[in-house]
Amino acid sequence: MPNPNKTANNASNQTGSTERIESNQHHQHFKIFKPYGFLSQFLPESRKKKHLLGELSNFPDKTMAIGRLDHDSEGLLLLTTNGMMSYKVRDKGI
């Protein structure tokens, strides 16, 4: 059943697309298409000059990927500003 509170904020560019799939008072959740050649992270590592997810859209502070895709892969990736949600999704007990 569709969520009546669901908000969609679509943004796309030449390298990927982003859709905000849920928002509440405290956290936001996104689904994105991670293009080839991007790292599944937002903070750069000092030694690496790679493209990061934060370059695809203007994400809020503390946005993190739920899981990861390798630099040389592409596909659906879920993002959240809720660290506990990320933990629950990745938990081996599920």
Protein backbone atom coordinates (compact mmCIF):
# COMPACT_ATOMS: atom_id res chain seq x y z
CA MET A 1 0.00 0.00 0.00
CA PRO A 2 1.46 3.43 -0.89
CA ASN A 3 2.53 5.61 1.98
CA PRO A 4 0.33 8.76 2.05
CA ASN A 5 3.14 10.66 3.77
CA LYS A 6 5.65 9.78 1.07
CA THR A 7 7.34 12.75 -0.51
CA ALA A 8 9.21 12.67 -3.76
CA ASN A 9 11.94 15.12 -4.58
CA ASN A 10 13.44 14.04 -7.86
CA ALA A 11 16.78 15.36 -9.07
CA SER A 12 18.81 14.03 -11.92
CA ASN A 13 21.97 14.91 -13.73
CA GLN A 14 24.25 13.32 -16.28
CA THR A 15 25.69 10.75 -13.88
CA GLY A 16 22.82 9.54 -11.68
CA SER A 17 19.38 10.16 -10.27
CA THR A 18 18.15 10.73 -6.75
CA GLU A 19 14.71 10.45 -5.18
CA ARG A 20 13.80 11.33 -1.61
CA ILE A 21 11.53 8.50 -0.57
CA GLU A 22 10.59 9.50 2.96
CA SER A 23 10.99 12.42 5.28
CA ASN A 24 9.91 13.02 8.85
CA GLN A 25 10.84 15.50 11.55
CA HIS A 26 14.20 13.91 12.23
CA HIS A 27 15.46 11.85 9.30
CA GLN A 28 15.37 11.58 5.52
CA HIS A 29 15.74 8.52 3.30
CA PHE A 30 16.79 8.46 -0.36
CA LYS A 31 17.19 5.97 -3.15
CA ILE A 32 19.77 6.76 -5.81
CA PHE A 33 21.27 5.23 -8.88
CA LYS A 34 25.01 5.05 -8.15
CA PRO A 35 26.86 5.46 -11.43
CA TYR A 36 30.07 3.66 -12.35
CA GLY A 37 33.17 5.39 -10.99
CA PHE A 38 31.70 6.77 -7.74
CA LEU A 39 32.52 5.62 -4.21
CA SER A 40 29.63 4.73 -1.88
CA GLN A 41 30.68 7.37 0.64
CA PHE A 42 30.40 11.08 1.32
CA LEU A 43 33.66 11.91 3.08
CA PRO A 44 36.83 11.93 0.98
CA GLU A 45 39.89 9.95 1.95
CA SER A 46 42.98 12.14 1.89
CA ARG A 47 44.94 9.91 -0.50
CA LYS A 48 42.17 9.24 -3.01
CA LYS A 49 40.79 11.63 -5.61
CA LYS A 50 37.62 9.70 -6.45
CA HIS A 51 34.06 10.87 -7.14
CA LEU A 52 31.78 10.70 -4.09
CA LEU A 53 27.99 10.32 -3.71
CA GLY A 54 27.70 13.87 -2.37
CA GLU A 55 28.54 15.15 -5.85
CA LEU A 56 25.28 13.69 -7.25
CA SER A 57 22.87 15.90 -5.30
CA ASN A 58 22.67 18.32 -2.39
CA PHE A 59 22.16 15.81 0.43
CA PRO A 60 21.62 16.90 4.06
CA ASP A 61 24.41 16.65 6.63
CA LYS A 62 25.00 13.19 8.11
CA THR A 63 23.65 11.34 5.06
CA MET A 64 25.12 7.85 4.79
CA ALA A 65 24.79 4.89 2.47
CA ILE A 66 22.99 1.77 3.67
CA GLY A 67 25.43 -0.80 2.36
CA ARG A 68 27.81 -0.11 -0.48
CA LEU A 69 28.58 -0.69 -4.11
CA ASP A 70 32.14 -0.94 -5.37
CA HIS A 71 33.76 1.90 -7.30
CA ASP A 72 33.55 -0.09 -10.54
CA SER A 73 29.86 -1.02 -10.22
CA GLU A 74 26.56 0.79 -10.60
CA GLY A 75 23.04 0.30 -9.31
CA LEU A 76 20.41 1.09 -6.68
CA LEU A 77 21.73 2.39 -3.38
CA LEU A 78 19.72 3.46 -0.33
CA LEU A 79 20.79 6.47 1.74
CA THR A 80 19.60 7.74 5.10
CA THR A 81 20.32 10.35 7.75
CA ASN A 82 19.30 7.77 10.39
CA GLY A 83 22.29 5.73 11.59
CA MET A 84 20.04 3.32 13.51
CA MET A 85 18.02 2.61 10.35
CA SER A 86 21.25 1.84 8.51
CA TYR A 87 22.30 -0.55 11.27
CA LYS A 88 18.92 -2.32 11.33
CA VAL A 89 18.90 -2.87 7.57
CA ARG A 90 22.45 -4.27 7.57
CA ASP A 91 22.01 -6.35 10.74
CA LYS A 92 22.68 -10.04 10.18
CA GLY A 93 19.74 -10.91 12.46
CA ILE A 94 17.19 -9.80 9.88
